[in-house]
């Protein structure tokens, strides 16, 4: 029987017992055989580990090459690669975690690190020698939840909007000035693209259920997605206004239809509308530019997301750990898992292979080491990250347990709104109430 993420979360809601961790020590499956962890134990002097990540073709190749480099340098290690796609990654990880077969090393996202960490599924990396001594100030604690280090920053990134500049030029629509453009400008620009193309090109991909852009919208109003105490940092009226804003895109045909949004939610990275040339702009994390251009076969302009008042310095941008490296609490080889993670975030060998595909390295010396090796899109990402520093606000807190469901809840309620199954008020209230419930309220 397949265990879905929803089932995992239901089990997680029962606490450590639900995850089969009660009374077990690390490396103990609970059935008395001393197994556990995805990679099995050592055999004599050899150490076997498993490593999982979600990615794209570029990241998959980089990660495979990095594993090969590490195991060549350390022939006593073997590492089984478990790549995946974002759309199915979390269901698989939930199944593995519930079944005590979680990989030893796990690429983790900020949305779920509290969920997994505070349910006892992740190792305290600091206890086994994690080294962040050369990390840039403010980047070492991304994975620290209530004093325990459940994950280490795999790269720095920030939200951005990618534009198909060639498409804009062909259609005679000007690119916005990203230091002055507003949320209303996003709407008028998307409508202009749709109209100029006779409806063949959709102005923008949908971001009605995008928690990152919702966070940006809220922060510019002095609010947040989450605040301390496992609570939403906004109220129903904020979501009502957010949904009403997006209905203007829908009414103008400037974003995909409800059925298209539903279909696209599970598409692989390289099938996104911007990358297939059926939309002109889309929100992406900055670290995704290289892979996006490789998949789309064209150069994209990377611009800031907008502000309400047309002043980029008020948009309260933030640096985010693009993803984190974590380790299973059940691994039989915690020291070895952390050794691999340390190599990944602190070695020039790993950085020369992966460059900035996972974001600009948090280790300042490593970032400097690879700066001249970066590809053209990676150089533009590095410049973007540096340019927006004066526009940074406070770093949002990690979503609390249950908070990782925000995006899926918003997708479901906004889809029901767009399918005319719910009014704006019903969708906003239903979303908010279910989110509060998921947070334990």
Protein backbone atom coordinates (compact mmCIF):
# COMPACT_ATOMS: atom_id res chain seq x y z
CA UNK A 1 0.00 0.00 0.00
CA UNK A 2 1.34 3.40 -0.89
CA UNK A 3 1.70 5.93 1.90
CA UNK A 4 0.96 9.42 0.65
CA UNK A 5 2.28 12.66 2.07
CA UNK A 6 -1.17 13.24 3.52
CA UNK A 7 -0.91 9.89 5.30
CA UNK A 8 2.59 10.74 6.50
CA UNK A 9 1.35 14.01 7.90
CA UNK A 10 -1.50 12.18 9.58
CA UNK A 11 0.98 9.79 11.16
CA UNK A 12 3.26 12.67 11.98
CA UNK A 13 0.40 14.35 13.80
CA UNK A 14 0.56 11.45 16.24
CA UNK A 15 4.12 12.44 17.08
CA UNK A 16 7.15 10.20 17.29
CA UNK A 17 5.03 7.12 17.80
CA UNK A 18 3.33 7.75 14.48
CA UNK A 19 6.68 7.69 12.76
CA UNK A 20 7.77 4.56 14.50
CA UNK A 21 10.48 6.42 16.39
CA UNK A 22 9.26 6.03 19.93
CA UNK A 23 11.69 4.08 22.04
CA UNK A 24 14.11 3.62 19.13
CA UNK A 25 17.65 4.79 18.94
CA UNK A 26 19.34 5.91 15.74
CA UNK A 27 19.94 2.94 13.48
CA UNK A 28 17.28 0.86 15.21
CA UNK A 29 14.28 -0.12 13.11
CA UNK A 30 12.33 -0.95 16.18
CA UNK A 31 12.04 -4.60 15.19
CA UNK A 32 15.18 -5.56 17.03
CA UNK A 33 17.37 -6.30 14.04
CA UNK A 34 19.47 -3.18 14.36
CA UNK A 35 18.87 -2.13 10.74
CA UNK A 36 17.36 1.13 9.61
CA UNK A 37 18.31 3.99 7.41
CA UNK A 38 18.15 3.76 3.67
CA UNK A 39 21.72 2.85 2.98
CA UNK A 40 22.44 -0.06 5.21
CA UNK A 41 25.50 -0.28 7.35
CA UNK A 42 29.14 -0.56 6.73
CA UNK A 43 30.74 -3.79 5.53
CA UNK A 44 34.12 -4.06 7.08
CA UNK A 45 35.82 -0.80 6.17
CA UNK A 46 33.23 0.18 3.54
CA UNK A 47 30.35 2.57 4.11
CA UNK A 48 27.14 2.48 2.09
CA UNK A 49 24.85 5.50 1.96
CA UNK A 50 21.80 6.55 -0.01
CA UNK A 51 21.26 10.13 -1.19
CA UNK A 52 18.03 11.59 -2.55
CA UNK A 53 17.20 14.86 -4.25
CA UNK A 54 14.64 16.46 -6.50
CA UNK A 55 15.96 18.23 -9.52
CA UNK A 56 16.13 18.80 -13.22
CA UNK A 57 18.40 17.36 -15.93
CA UNK A 58 21.22 19.79 -15.11
CA UNK A 59 21.10 19.08 -11.37
CA UNK A 60 20.76 15.36 -11.91
CA UNK A 61 23.94 15.30 -13.97
CA UNK A 62 25.82 17.55 -11.52
CA UNK A 63 24.77 15.48 -8.55
CA UNK A 64 25.70 12.21 -10.21
CA UNK A 65 29.10 13.64 -11.14
CA UNK A 66 29.64 14.91 -7.58
CA UNK A 67 28.81 11.50 -6.12
CA UNK A 68 31.28 9.91 -8.51
CA UNK A 69 33.95 12.44 -7.50
CA UNK A 70 33.40 11.85 -3.78
CA UNK A 71 33.44 8.07 -4.04
CA UNK A 72 36.55 8.18 -6.24
CA UNK A 73 38.25 10.35 -3.64
CA UNK A 74 36.89 8.14 -0.85
CA UNK A 75 36.86 4.58 -2.22
CA UNK A 76 35.61 3.18 1.09
CA UNK A 77 32.26 4.91 0.42
CA UNK A 78 29.48 3.82 -1.89
CA UNK A 79 26.52 6.13 -2.45
CA UNK A 80 23.27 5.03 -4.06
CA UNK A 81 21.64 7.92 -5.93
CA UNK A 82 17.88 8.40 -5.65
CA UNK A 83 16.89 11.33 -7.92
CA UNK A 84 13.31 12.52 -8.20
CA UNK A 85 10.89 15.18 -9.40
CA UNK A 86 9.46 17.78 -7.05
CA UNK A 87 5.88 16.71 -7.82
CA UNK A 88 6.38 13.16 -6.51
CA UNK A 89 9.41 13.66 -4.24
CA UNK A 90 7.56 14.36 -1.02
CA UNK A 91 5.12 11.47 -1.30
CA UNK A 92 8.06 9.12 -1.85
CA UNK A 93 10.04 10.56 1.05
CA UNK A 94 6.99 10.31 3.32
CA UNK A 95 6.55 6.67 2.34
CA UNK A 96 10.21 5.92 2.99
CA UNK A 97 10.18 7.76 6.31
CA UNK A 98 7.05 5.99 7.50
CA UNK A 99 8.58 2.66 6.42
CA UNK A 100 11.96 3.29 8.11
CA UNK A 101 13.74 3.28 4.76
CA UNK A 102 14.46 7.01 4.48
CA UNK A 103 17.67 7.76 2.55
CA UNK A 104 20.69 8.58 4.68
CA UNK A 105 21.21 11.99 3.04
CA UNK A 106 18.14 14.00 2.06
CA UNK A 107 17.77 17.13 -0.02
CA UNK A 108 15.26 19.04 2.11
CA UNK A 109 13.14 22.13 1.53
CA UNK A 110 12.43 24.93 4.00
CA UNK A 111 8.71 24.16 3.66
CA UNK A 112 9.12 20.77 5.30
CA UNK A 113 12.18 20.96 7.50
CA UNK A 114 10.20 21.79 10.64
CA UNK A 115 7.72 19.04 9.84
CA UNK A 116 10.38 16.36 9.47
CA UNK A 117 12.76 17.74 12.06
CA UNK A 118 10.36 18.24 14.90
CA UNK A 119 8.74 14.85 14.28
CA UNK A 120 12.08 13.17 14.93
CA UNK A 121 12.86 12.15 11.35
CA UNK A 122 16.06 14.19 10.89
CA UNK A 123 19.51 14.06 12.45
CA UNK A 124 21.02 16.93 14.44
CA UNK A 125 23.88 17.62 12.03
CA UNK A 126 25.79 19.74 14.55
CA UNK A 127 26.09 16.75 16.86
CA UNK A 128 28.06 14.88 14.19
CA UNK A 129 30.49 17.58 13.12
CA UNK A 130 28.70 19.84 10.65
CA UNK A 131 31.08 22.64 9.63
CA UNK A 132 29.61 26.04 8.77
CA UNK A 133 32.58 28.03 10.03
CA UNK A 134 33.14 29.75 6.67
CA UNK A 135 29.52 30.43 5.80
CA UNK A 136 28.46 33.97 4.90
CA UNK A 137 26.82 35.76 7.82
CA UNK A 138 23.14 34.96 8.09
CA UNK A 139 23.27 31.76 6.02
CA UNK A 140 24.42 29.17 8.56
CA UNK A 141 21.23 28.90 10.59
CA UNK A 142 18.68 28.26 7.85
CA UNK A 143 18.10 24.71 9.06
CA UNK A 144 18.26 25.41 12.79
CA UNK A 145 14.84 24.86 14.34
CA UNK A 146 14.53 25.62 18.04
CA UNK A 147 18.24 25.10 18.56
CA UNK A 148 18.67 21.89 16.58
CA UNK A 149 20.42 21.86 13.21
CA UNK A 150 18.26 19.71 10.96
CA UNK A 151 19.69 20.95 7.68
CA UNK A 152 22.47 23.00 6.16
CA UNK A 153 22.11 25.63 3.46
CA UNK A 154 22.87 24.11 0.04
CA UNK A 155 22.90 27.46 -1.75
CA UNK A 156 21.59 31.02 -1.56
CA UNK A 157 18.80 32.16 -3.82
CA UNK A 158 15.92 34.63 -3.96
CA UNK A 159 12.56 34.84 -5.75
CA UNK A 160 12.61 36.37 -9.21
CA UNK A 161 10.44 36.69 -12.32
CA UNK A 162 11.81 35.34 -15.60
CA UNK A 163 10.81 37.01 -18.85
CA UNK A 164 11.13 35.74 -22.41
CA UNK A 165 12.63 38.98 -23.67
CA UNK A 166 12.67 37.85 -27.30
CA UNK A 167 8.96 37.14 -27.12
CA UNK A 168 8.30 40.58 -25.65
CA UNK A 169 10.26 42.22 -28.46
CA UNK A 170 8.51 40.17 -31.12
CA UNK A 171 5.10 41.15 -29.75
CA UNK A 172 6.05 44.79 -29.32
CA UNK A 173 5.57 44.84 -25.55
CA UNK A 174 8.14 46.63 -23.39
CA UNK A 175 9.85 44.83 -20.56
CA UNK A 176 9.00 46.49 -17.26
CA UNK A 177 11.60 48.38 -15.23
CA UNK A 178 12.01 45.99 -12.33
CA UNK A 179 13.08 48.75 -9.93
CA UNK A 180 9.77 50.56 -10.33
CA UNK A 181 7.16 48.07 -11.52
CA UNK A 182 4.12 47.30 -9.39
CA UNK A 183 1.75 44.38 -8.88
CA UNK A 184 -0.73 46.21 -11.12
CA UNK A 185 1.99 46.43 -13.77
CA UNK A 186 2.31 42.61 -13.66
CA UNK A 187 -1.38 42.45 -14.55
CA UNK A 188 -1.30 45.03 -17.34
CA UNK A 189 1.88 43.54 -18.82
CA UNK A 190 0.38 40.04 -18.85
CA UNK A 191 -2.78 41.32 -20.52
CA UNK A 192 -0.70 43.18 -23.12
CA UNK A 193 1.13 39.96 -24.06
CA UNK A 194 -2.06 37.93 -24.32
CA UNK A 195 -3.74 40.57 -26.48
CA UNK A 196 -0.69 41.21 -28.69
CA UNK A 197 -0.41 37.48 -29.44
CA UNK A 198 -4.10 37.11 -30.20
CA UNK A 199 -4.40 34.75 -27.25
CA UNK A 200 -1.75 32.32 -28.52
CA UNK A 201 0.68 33.28 -25.75
CA UNK A 202 -0.48 33.48 -22.15
CA UNK A 203 0.86 36.60 -20.47
CA UNK A 204 2.07 34.94 -17.27
CA UNK A 205 2.03 31.56 -15.65
CA UNK A 206 -0.38 31.36 -12.73
CA UNK A 207 0.90 32.40 -9.33
CA UNK A 208 -2.44 32.41 -7.54
CA UNK A 209 -1.35 29.37 -5.50
CA UNK A 210 2.32 30.32 -5.29
CA UNK A 211 3.20 30.62 -1.61
CA UNK A 212 6.42 32.47 -2.44
CA UNK A 213 4.64 35.30 -4.23
CA UNK A 214 1.94 35.34 -1.57
CA UNK A 215 4.72 35.76 0.98
CA UNK A 216 6.17 38.67 -1.02
CA UNK A 217 2.71 40.28 -1.26
CA UNK A 218 2.11 39.92 2.48
CA UNK A 219 5.55 41.10 3.57
CA UNK A 220 5.06 44.37 1.72
CA UNK A 221 1.99 44.86 3.90
CA UNK A 222 3.83 44.18 7.11
CA UNK A 223 2.63 40.59 7.43
CA UNK A 224 4.10 37.11 6.95
CA UNK A 225 2.99 33.62 5.94
CA UNK A 226 3.70 32.38 9.46
CA UNK A 227 4.49 33.88 12.82
CA UNK A 228 5.80 32.31 16.01
CA UNK A 229 3.37 30.05 17.81
CA UNK A 230 2.35 27.95 14.77
CA UNK A 231 0.01 30.62 13.44
CA UNK A 232 -0.68 32.20 10.05
CA UNK A 233 0.74 35.69 9.85
CA UNK A 234 -2.28 36.99 7.89
CA UNK A 235 -6.05 36.89 7.99
CA UNK A 236 -8.95 36.04 5.68
CA UNK A 237 -9.15 39.58 4.27
CA UNK A 238 -5.59 39.30 2.94
CA UNK A 239 -6.44 36.13 1.04
CA UNK A 240 -9.68 37.62 -0.24
CA UNK A 241 -7.75 40.50 -1.77
CA UNK A 242 -5.10 38.12 -3.16
CA UNK A 243 -7.73 36.00 -4.91
CA UNK A 244 -9.57 39.04 -6.27
CA UNK A 245 -6.31 40.30 -7.75
CA UNK A 246 -5.82 37.04 -9.63
CA UNK A 247 -9.37 36.89 -10.92
CA UNK A 248 -8.43 39.91 -13.03
CA UNK A 249 -5.75 37.80 -14.78
CA UNK A 250 -8.23 34.98 -15.27
CA UNK A 251 -10.98 37.23 -16.64
CA UNK A 252 -8.53 38.70 -19.18
CA UNK A 253 -7.13 35.33 -20.26
CA UNK A 254 -3.74 36.53 -19.04
CA UNK A 255 -3.01 33.37 -17.04
CA UNK A 256 -3.76 29.66 -17.65
CA UNK A 257 -7.28 28.37 -17.13
CA UNK A 258 -8.31 26.41 -14.05
CA UNK A 259 -8.00 23.08 -15.86
CA UNK A 260 -4.58 24.03 -17.24
CA UNK A 261 -3.36 25.00 -13.77
CA UNK A 262 -4.50 21.65 -12.40
CA UNK A 263 -2.83 19.74 -15.24
CA UNK A 264 0.42 21.70 -14.91
CA UNK A 265 0.75 21.18 -11.16
CA UNK A 266 2.41 17.80 -11.70
CA UNK A 267 4.41 18.52 -14.86
CA UNK A 268 8.19 18.06 -14.81
CA UNK A 269 10.39 21.14 -14.71
CA UNK A 270 11.15 21.26 -18.42
CA UNK A 271 7.45 21.25 -19.34
CA UNK A 272 6.69 24.55 -17.65
CA UNK A 273 4.83 27.10 -19.81
CA UNK A 274 7.65 29.64 -19.91
CA UNK A 275 10.13 26.97 -20.97
CA UNK A 276 7.87 25.60 -23.70
CA UNK A 277 7.20 29.08 -25.07
CA UNK A 278 3.49 29.22 -24.28
CA UNK A 279 3.78 31.92 -21.61
CA UNK A 280 5.93 35.06 -21.52
CA UNK A 281 6.83 35.38 -17.84
CA UNK A 282 6.88 33.27 -14.72
CA UNK A 283 8.11 33.28 -11.13
CA UNK A 284 11.27 31.21 -10.59
CA UNK A 285 13.88 30.95 -7.87
CA UNK A 286 17.09 32.64 -8.97
CA UNK A 287 19.10 29.41 -8.84
CA UNK A 288 16.81 27.90 -11.51
CA UNK A 289 17.92 30.28 -14.28
CA UNK A 290 20.69 28.03 -15.59
CA UNK A 291 18.45 24.96 -15.80
CA UNK A 292 15.58 27.02 -17.22
CA UNK A 293 17.70 28.35 -20.07
CA UNK A 294 19.07 24.88 -20.76
CA UNK A 295 15.56 23.44 -20.89
CA UNK A 296 13.97 26.35 -22.75
CA UNK A 297 16.78 26.81 -25.25
CA UNK A 298 16.69 30.58 -24.93
CA UNK A 299 17.92 33.38 -22.68
CA UNK A 300 15.54 34.77 -20.08
CA UNK A 301 15.66 38.17 -18.41
CA UNK A 302 15.76 37.82 -14.62
CA UNK A 303 13.87 40.64 -12.94
CA UNK A 304 12.83 41.53 -9.41
CA UNK A 305 9.27 40.75 -8.35
CA UNK A 306 7.20 43.95 -8.04
CA UNK A 307 6.24 46.22 -5.17
CA UNK A 308 3.04 48.03 -4.33
CA UNK A 309 4.50 51.52 -4.47
CA UNK A 310 6.88 51.16 -7.41
CA UNK A 311 10.02 51.25 -5.27
CA UNK A 312 12.14 48.11 -5.25
CA UNK A 313 13.72 49.09 -1.95
CA UNK A 314 10.36 48.55 -0.23
CA UNK A 315 9.63 45.09 -1.62
CA UNK A 316 11.25 43.27 1.33
CA UNK A 317 13.14 40.67 -0.65
CA UNK A 318 14.92 37.86 1.13
CA UNK A 319 17.71 35.36 0.71
CA UNK A 320 16.54 31.81 1.08
CA UNK A 321 18.31 28.52 1.35
CA UNK A 322 17.45 27.16 -2.09
CA UNK A 323 17.33 23.79 -0.41
CA UNK A 324 19.13 22.11 2.46
CA UNK A 325 21.12 19.00 3.04
CA UNK A 326 19.70 16.90 5.87
CA UNK A 327 20.32 13.39 7.15
CA UNK A 328 17.88 10.76 8.34
CA UNK A 329 17.63 10.34 12.10
CA UNK A 330 17.65 6.60 11.40
CA UNK A 331 20.88 6.44 9.43
CA UNK A 332 23.33 3.83 10.65
CA UNK A 333 26.21 6.08 9.61
CA UNK A 334 25.58 9.57 10.98
CA UNK A 335 29.26 10.57 10.97
CA UNK A 336 29.64 9.39 7.37
CA UNK A 337 26.46 11.17 6.26
CA UNK A 338 27.68 14.45 7.77
CA UNK A 339 31.13 13.89 6.24
CA UNK A 340 29.52 13.76 2.80
CA UNK A 341 27.43 16.85 3.55
CA UNK A 342 30.51 18.75 4.77
CA UNK A 343 32.29 17.82 1.55
CA UNK A 344 29.33 19.02 -0.49
CA UNK A 345 29.09 22.48 1.10
CA UNK A 346 32.76 23.14 1.89
CA UNK A 347 34.91 21.55 -0.81
CA UNK A 348 36.17 23.15 -3.99
CA UNK A 349 35.78 19.78 -5.74
CA UNK A 350 32.02 19.69 -5.17
CA UNK A 351 31.62 23.38 -5.97
CA UNK A 352 33.52 23.09 -9.25
CA UNK A 353 31.05 20.40 -10.34
CA UNK A 354 27.79 21.88 -9.08
CA UNK A 355 28.77 25.57 -9.38
CA UNK A 356 25.69 27.63 -8.44
CA UNK A 357 22.94 25.35 -9.77
CA UNK A 358 21.65 24.94 -6.19
CA UNK A 359 22.25 28.63 -5.53
CA UNK A 360 25.31 30.68 -4.66
CA UNK A 361 27.39 28.65 -2.15
CA UNK A 362 26.87 29.76 1.45
CA UNK A 363 30.58 29.18 2.15
CA UNK A 364 32.08 32.55 1.20
CA UNK A 365 35.48 31.13 0.24
CA UNK A 366 33.87 28.54 -1.99
CA UNK A 367 31.65 31.16 -3.61
CA UNK A 368 34.72 33.26 -4.38
CA UNK A 369 36.61 30.21 -5.68
CA UNK A 370 34.02 29.38 -8.33
CA UNK A 371 33.05 32.94 -9.30
CA UNK A 372 35.19 32.93 -12.45
CA UNK A 373 33.96 29.46 -13.43
CA UNK A 374 30.27 30.30 -13.53
CA UNK A 375 28.36 30.11 -16.77
CA UNK A 376 26.79 33.23 -18.22
CA UNK A 377 23.39 32.58 -16.59
CA UNK A 378 25.10 31.76 -13.29
CA UNK A 379 27.07 35.00 -13.51
CA UNK A 380 23.78 36.85 -13.98
CA UNK A 381 22.34 35.07 -10.94
CA UNK A 382 25.36 36.06 -8.86
CA UNK A 383 24.96 39.68 -9.97
CA UNK A 384 21.23 39.56 -9.20
CA UNK A 385 21.86 38.23 -5.68
CA UNK A 386 24.42 40.97 -5.05
CA UNK A 387 22.28 43.76 -6.55
CA UNK A 388 19.23 43.09 -4.39
CA UNK A 389 21.09 43.17 -1.06
CA UNK A 390 19.89 46.73 -0.25
CA UNK A 391 16.30 45.53 -0.78
CA UNK A 392 16.39 42.70 1.77
CA UNK A 393 13.94 42.53 4.63
CA UNK A 394 13.94 40.13 7.54
CA UNK A 395 14.24 36.43 6.68
CA UNK A 396 10.88 34.64 7.01
CA UNK A 397 10.71 31.93 9.66
CA UNK A 398 10.59 28.31 8.48
CA UNK A 399 7.03 27.04 8.07
CA UNK A 400 5.99 25.26 11.27
CA UNK A 401 4.75 21.64 11.27
CA UNK A 402 1.66 21.59 9.06
CA UNK A 403 2.73 24.79 7.29
CA UNK A 404 4.15 22.89 4.35
CA UNK A 405 0.59 22.24 3.23
CA UNK A 406 -0.07 25.93 2.55
CA UNK A 407 0.73 25.70 -1.15
CA UNK A 408 -1.39 22.62 -1.80
CA UNK A 409 -4.30 24.07 0.16
CA UNK A 410 -4.09 27.33 -1.74
CA UNK A 411 -3.98 25.43 -5.04
CA UNK A 412 -7.11 23.45 -4.14
CA UNK A 413 -9.16 26.41 -2.95
CA UNK A 414 -8.06 28.71 -5.77
CA UNK A 415 -8.87 25.97 -8.31
CA UNK A 416 -12.36 25.61 -6.84
CA UNK A 417 -12.69 29.39 -7.13
CA UNK A 418 -11.61 29.41 -10.77
CA UNK A 419 -13.95 26.47 -11.55
CA UNK A 420 -16.78 28.58 -10.02
CA UNK A 421 -17.34 26.01 -7.27
CA UNK A 422 -16.66 28.61 -4.57
CA UNK A 423 -17.02 32.36 -4.18
CA UNK A 424 -13.99 34.44 -3.30
CA UNK A 425 -15.18 34.68 0.29
CA UNK A 426 -15.80 30.93 0.53
CA UNK A 427 -12.40 30.11 -0.95
CA UNK A 428 -10.53 32.54 1.31
CA UNK A 429 -12.31 31.41 4.46
CA UNK A 430 -12.07 27.71 3.62
CA UNK A 431 -8.35 28.00 2.87
CA UNK A 432 -7.62 29.96 6.03
CA UNK A 433 -9.62 27.67 8.30
CA UNK A 434 -8.05 24.51 6.90
CA UNK A 435 -4.56 26.01 7.20
CA UNK A 436 -5.20 26.87 10.85
CA UNK A 437 -6.36 23.28 11.43
CA UNK A 438 -3.24 21.90 9.77
CA UNK A 439 -1.14 24.05 12.10
CA UNK A 440 -2.86 22.50 15.07
CA UNK A 441 -5.13 25.42 15.78
